[in-house]
């Protein structure tokens, strides 16, 4: 999406949607899952996590401004993550 701030500046915001993450294993990280949309108008949409294991997670998850997050068989520090 292109937005013109004035006659000389055009900002191109990314569209982030339909993300599929499957069979990922992590041994150490600050966050298990971190998904950050830009603002209410530019959210991340349709993210699917399946069969993932995130161990050694220090600060849980950091998820903001997302539409539709589906989680199936995901473990964080050995515990099932149920959204």
N, C-alpha and C. Protein backbone atom coordinates (compact mmCIF):
# COMPACT_ATOMS: atom_id res chain seq x y z
N UNK A 1 0.83 -1.18 0.00
CA UNK A 1 0.00 0.00 0.00
C UNK A 1 0.87 1.24 0.00
N UNK A 2 0.58 2.16 -0.86
CA UNK A 2 1.33 3.40 -0.95
C UNK A 2 0.55 4.53 -0.30
N UNK A 3 1.23 5.32 0.49
CA UNK A 3 0.63 6.47 1.14
C UNK A 3 1.52 7.67 0.88
N UNK A 4 0.95 8.76 0.45
CA UNK A 4 1.72 9.97 0.20
C UNK A 4 1.59 10.91 1.39
N UNK A 5 2.71 11.24 1.99
CA UNK A 5 2.72 12.14 3.13
C UNK A 5 2.69 13.60 2.67
N UNK A 6 3.40 13.89 1.62
CA UNK A 6 3.36 15.20 0.96
C UNK A 6 3.80 14.97 -0.48
N UNK A 7 4.10 16.00 -1.22
CA UNK A 7 4.45 15.84 -2.63
C UNK A 7 5.76 15.11 -2.87
N UNK A 8 6.63 15.05 -1.87
CA UNK A 8 7.95 14.46 -2.08
C UNK A 8 8.18 13.14 -1.37
N UNK A 9 7.29 12.75 -0.44
CA UNK A 9 7.52 11.54 0.35
C UNK A 9 6.36 10.56 0.16
N UNK A 10 6.69 9.35 -0.26
CA UNK A 10 5.70 8.28 -0.37
C UNK A 10 6.16 7.12 0.50
N UNK A 11 5.26 6.62 1.32
CA UNK A 11 5.58 5.51 2.22
C UNK A 11 4.88 4.26 1.71
N UNK A 12 5.61 3.18 1.62
CA UNK A 12 5.06 1.91 1.19
C UNK A 12 5.01 0.97 2.39
N UNK A 13 3.81 0.68 2.90
CA UNK A 13 3.65 -0.21 4.03
C UNK A 13 3.52 -1.65 3.52
N UNK A 14 4.21 -2.58 4.13
CA UNK A 14 4.10 -3.97 3.69
C UNK A 14 2.77 -4.59 4.11
N UNK A 15 2.31 -5.54 3.31
CA UNK A 15 1.14 -6.33 3.66
C UNK A 15 1.67 -7.70 4.08
N UNK A 16 1.42 -8.07 5.34
CA UNK A 16 1.93 -9.35 5.86
C UNK A 16 0.72 -10.21 6.21
N UNK A 17 0.58 -11.31 5.46
CA UNK A 17 -0.57 -12.20 5.68
C UNK A 17 -0.26 -13.59 5.15
N UNK A 18 -1.08 -14.55 5.60
CA UNK A 18 -0.96 -15.94 5.16
C UNK A 18 0.44 -16.52 5.41
N UNK A 19 0.84 -16.48 6.68
CA UNK A 19 2.14 -17.01 7.10
C UNK A 19 1.92 -18.40 7.70
N UNK A 20 2.68 -19.38 7.22
CA UNK A 20 2.60 -20.75 7.71
C UNK A 20 3.97 -21.16 8.26
N UNK A 21 3.99 -21.53 9.55
CA UNK A 21 5.23 -21.98 10.18
C UNK A 21 4.95 -23.37 10.75
N UNK A 22 5.75 -24.35 10.32
CA UNK A 22 5.51 -25.73 10.74
C UNK A 22 6.83 -26.43 11.01
N UNK A 23 6.82 -27.28 12.06
CA UNK A 23 7.97 -28.12 12.42
C UNK A 23 9.23 -27.31 12.73
N UNK A 24 9.08 -26.27 13.52
CA UNK A 24 10.22 -25.45 13.94
C UNK A 24 10.57 -25.80 15.38
N UNK A 25 11.86 -25.96 15.66
CA UNK A 25 12.34 -26.21 17.02
C UNK A 25 13.38 -25.16 17.36
N UNK A 26 13.24 -24.57 18.55
CA UNK A 26 14.20 -23.57 19.01
C UNK A 26 14.67 -23.97 20.41
N UNK A 27 15.97 -23.83 20.67
CA UNK A 27 16.51 -24.21 21.97
C UNK A 27 16.61 -23.04 22.94
N UNK A 28 16.68 -21.80 22.41
CA UNK A 28 16.84 -20.64 23.28
C UNK A 28 16.43 -19.38 22.53
N UNK A 29 15.61 -18.55 23.17
CA UNK A 29 15.21 -17.28 22.57
C UNK A 29 14.58 -16.38 23.63
N UNK A 30 14.55 -15.09 23.36
CA UNK A 30 13.90 -14.16 24.28
C UNK A 30 12.39 -14.40 24.27
N UNK A 31 11.80 -14.53 23.07
CA UNK A 31 10.36 -14.77 22.92
C UNK A 31 10.14 -16.10 22.20
N UNK A 32 9.06 -16.77 22.54
CA UNK A 32 8.67 -17.95 21.79
C UNK A 32 8.16 -17.52 20.43
N UNK A 33 7.17 -16.65 20.43
CA UNK A 33 6.60 -16.13 19.20
C UNK A 33 6.51 -14.62 19.34
N UNK A 34 7.00 -13.91 18.33
CA UNK A 34 6.92 -12.44 18.34
C UNK A 34 6.36 -11.98 17.00
N UNK A 35 5.16 -11.41 17.04
CA UNK A 35 4.50 -10.92 15.84
C UNK A 35 3.97 -9.52 16.15
N UNK A 36 4.44 -8.53 15.43
CA UNK A 36 4.06 -7.15 15.70
C UNK A 36 3.53 -6.47 14.45
N UNK A 37 2.25 -6.13 14.44
CA UNK A 37 1.70 -5.33 13.36
C UNK A 37 2.11 -3.88 13.56
N UNK A 38 1.99 -3.08 12.51
CA UNK A 38 2.43 -1.68 12.60
C UNK A 38 1.44 -0.82 13.37
N UNK A 39 0.16 -0.93 13.03
CA UNK A 39 -0.90 -0.17 13.70
C UNK A 39 -2.23 -0.84 13.36
N UNK A 40 -3.34 -0.25 13.80
CA UNK A 40 -4.65 -0.87 13.58
C UNK A 40 -4.95 -1.08 12.09
N UNK A 41 -4.50 -0.18 11.26
CA UNK A 41 -4.76 -0.27 9.83
C UNK A 41 -3.82 -1.24 9.11
N UNK A 42 -2.67 -1.53 9.70
CA UNK A 42 -1.66 -2.38 9.06
C UNK A 42 -1.29 -3.54 9.98
N UNK A 43 -2.26 -4.40 10.22
CA UNK A 43 -2.05 -5.55 11.08
C UNK A 43 -1.50 -6.73 10.27
N UNK A 44 -0.87 -7.65 10.98
CA UNK A 44 -0.48 -8.94 10.41
C UNK A 44 -1.74 -9.80 10.41
N UNK A 45 -1.97 -10.58 9.36
CA UNK A 45 -3.19 -11.38 9.33
C UNK A 45 -2.92 -12.82 8.87
N UNK A 46 -3.67 -13.71 9.45
CA UNK A 46 -3.68 -15.13 9.10
C UNK A 46 -2.30 -15.79 9.26
N UNK A 47 -1.95 -16.06 10.53
CA UNK A 47 -0.70 -16.74 10.86
C UNK A 47 -1.04 -18.12 11.42
N UNK A 48 -0.37 -19.15 10.91
CA UNK A 48 -0.62 -20.53 11.32
C UNK A 48 0.68 -21.11 11.87
N UNK A 49 0.65 -21.58 13.11
CA UNK A 49 1.80 -22.26 13.73
C UNK A 49 1.40 -23.69 14.02
N UNK A 50 2.19 -24.64 13.55
CA UNK A 50 1.84 -26.06 13.72
C UNK A 50 3.09 -26.88 14.02
N UNK A 51 2.98 -27.75 15.02
CA UNK A 51 4.04 -28.69 15.39
C UNK A 51 5.38 -27.99 15.65
N UNK A 52 5.35 -26.98 16.52
CA UNK A 52 6.55 -26.22 16.85
C UNK A 52 6.90 -26.39 18.32
N UNK A 53 8.20 -26.36 18.63
CA UNK A 53 8.69 -26.48 20.00
C UNK A 53 9.67 -25.34 20.24
N UNK A 54 9.34 -24.49 21.22
CA UNK A 54 10.20 -23.37 21.59
C UNK A 54 10.63 -23.55 23.04
N UNK A 55 11.88 -23.94 23.26
CA UNK A 55 12.41 -24.14 24.60
C UNK A 55 13.37 -22.99 24.95
N UNK A 56 13.64 -22.83 26.22
CA UNK A 56 14.55 -21.78 26.67
C UNK A 56 14.01 -20.39 26.41
N UNK A 57 12.70 -20.24 26.40
CA UNK A 57 12.07 -18.94 26.15
C UNK A 57 12.10 -18.12 27.43
N UNK A 58 12.68 -16.93 27.36
CA UNK A 58 12.85 -16.06 28.53
C UNK A 58 11.60 -15.26 28.89
N UNK A 59 10.91 -14.71 27.89
CA UNK A 59 9.86 -13.72 28.17
C UNK A 59 8.51 -14.05 27.56
N UNK A 60 8.20 -15.31 27.37
CA UNK A 60 6.89 -15.67 26.81
C UNK A 60 6.78 -15.25 25.37
N UNK A 61 5.61 -14.70 24.99
CA UNK A 61 5.34 -14.28 23.62
C UNK A 61 5.12 -12.77 23.59
N UNK A 62 5.33 -12.18 22.43
CA UNK A 62 5.09 -10.75 22.21
C UNK A 62 4.26 -10.63 20.93
N UNK A 63 2.95 -10.51 21.10
CA UNK A 63 2.04 -10.52 19.96
C UNK A 63 1.11 -9.32 20.05
N UNK A 64 1.16 -8.46 19.02
CA UNK A 64 0.33 -7.26 18.99
C UNK A 64 -0.15 -7.01 17.57
N UNK A 65 -1.38 -6.56 17.47
CA UNK A 65 -1.96 -6.15 16.19
C UNK A 65 -1.91 -7.25 15.14
N UNK A 66 -2.57 -8.35 15.48
CA UNK A 66 -2.65 -9.50 14.57
C UNK A 66 -4.11 -9.93 14.45
N UNK A 67 -4.51 -10.25 13.24
CA UNK A 67 -5.83 -10.78 12.97
C UNK A 67 -5.66 -12.25 12.62
N UNK A 68 -6.31 -13.12 13.34
CA UNK A 68 -6.33 -14.56 13.09
C UNK A 68 -4.97 -15.23 13.27
N UNK A 69 -4.79 -15.76 14.46
CA UNK A 69 -3.60 -16.56 14.78
C UNK A 69 -4.09 -17.96 15.14
N UNK A 70 -3.64 -18.96 14.39
CA UNK A 70 -4.03 -20.34 14.64
C UNK A 70 -2.82 -21.12 15.14
N UNK A 71 -3.01 -21.82 16.25
CA UNK A 71 -1.92 -22.56 16.89
C UNK A 71 -2.35 -24.02 17.03
N UNK A 72 -1.51 -24.93 16.55
CA UNK A 72 -1.80 -26.36 16.66
C UNK A 72 -0.54 -27.11 17.06
N UNK A 73 -0.60 -27.76 18.22
CA UNK A 73 0.50 -28.57 18.72
C UNK A 73 1.80 -27.76 18.85
N UNK A 74 1.72 -26.68 19.62
CA UNK A 74 2.88 -25.82 19.86
C UNK A 74 3.22 -25.86 21.35
N UNK A 75 4.50 -26.11 21.65
CA UNK A 75 4.98 -26.15 23.03
C UNK A 75 5.92 -24.98 23.27
N UNK A 76 5.74 -24.33 24.43
CA UNK A 76 6.65 -23.28 24.86
C UNK A 76 7.17 -23.66 26.23
N UNK A 77 8.49 -23.85 26.32
CA UNK A 77 9.13 -24.33 27.55
C UNK A 77 8.46 -25.60 28.08
N UNK A 78 8.13 -26.50 27.16
CA UNK A 78 7.57 -27.79 27.51
C UNK A 78 6.08 -27.81 27.79
N UNK A 79 5.44 -26.65 27.78
CA UNK A 79 4.00 -26.55 28.08
C UNK A 79 3.23 -26.27 26.79
N UNK A 80 2.06 -26.92 26.62
CA UNK A 80 1.24 -26.63 25.44
C UNK A 80 0.78 -25.16 25.45
N UNK A 81 0.84 -24.55 24.30
CA UNK A 81 0.38 -23.17 24.16
C UNK A 81 -1.01 -23.20 23.57
N UNK A 82 -1.97 -22.81 24.35
CA UNK A 82 -3.36 -22.77 23.92
C UNK A 82 -3.81 -21.32 23.83
N UNK A 83 -4.01 -20.84 22.64
CA UNK A 83 -4.44 -19.46 22.44
C UNK A 83 -5.89 -19.34 22.78
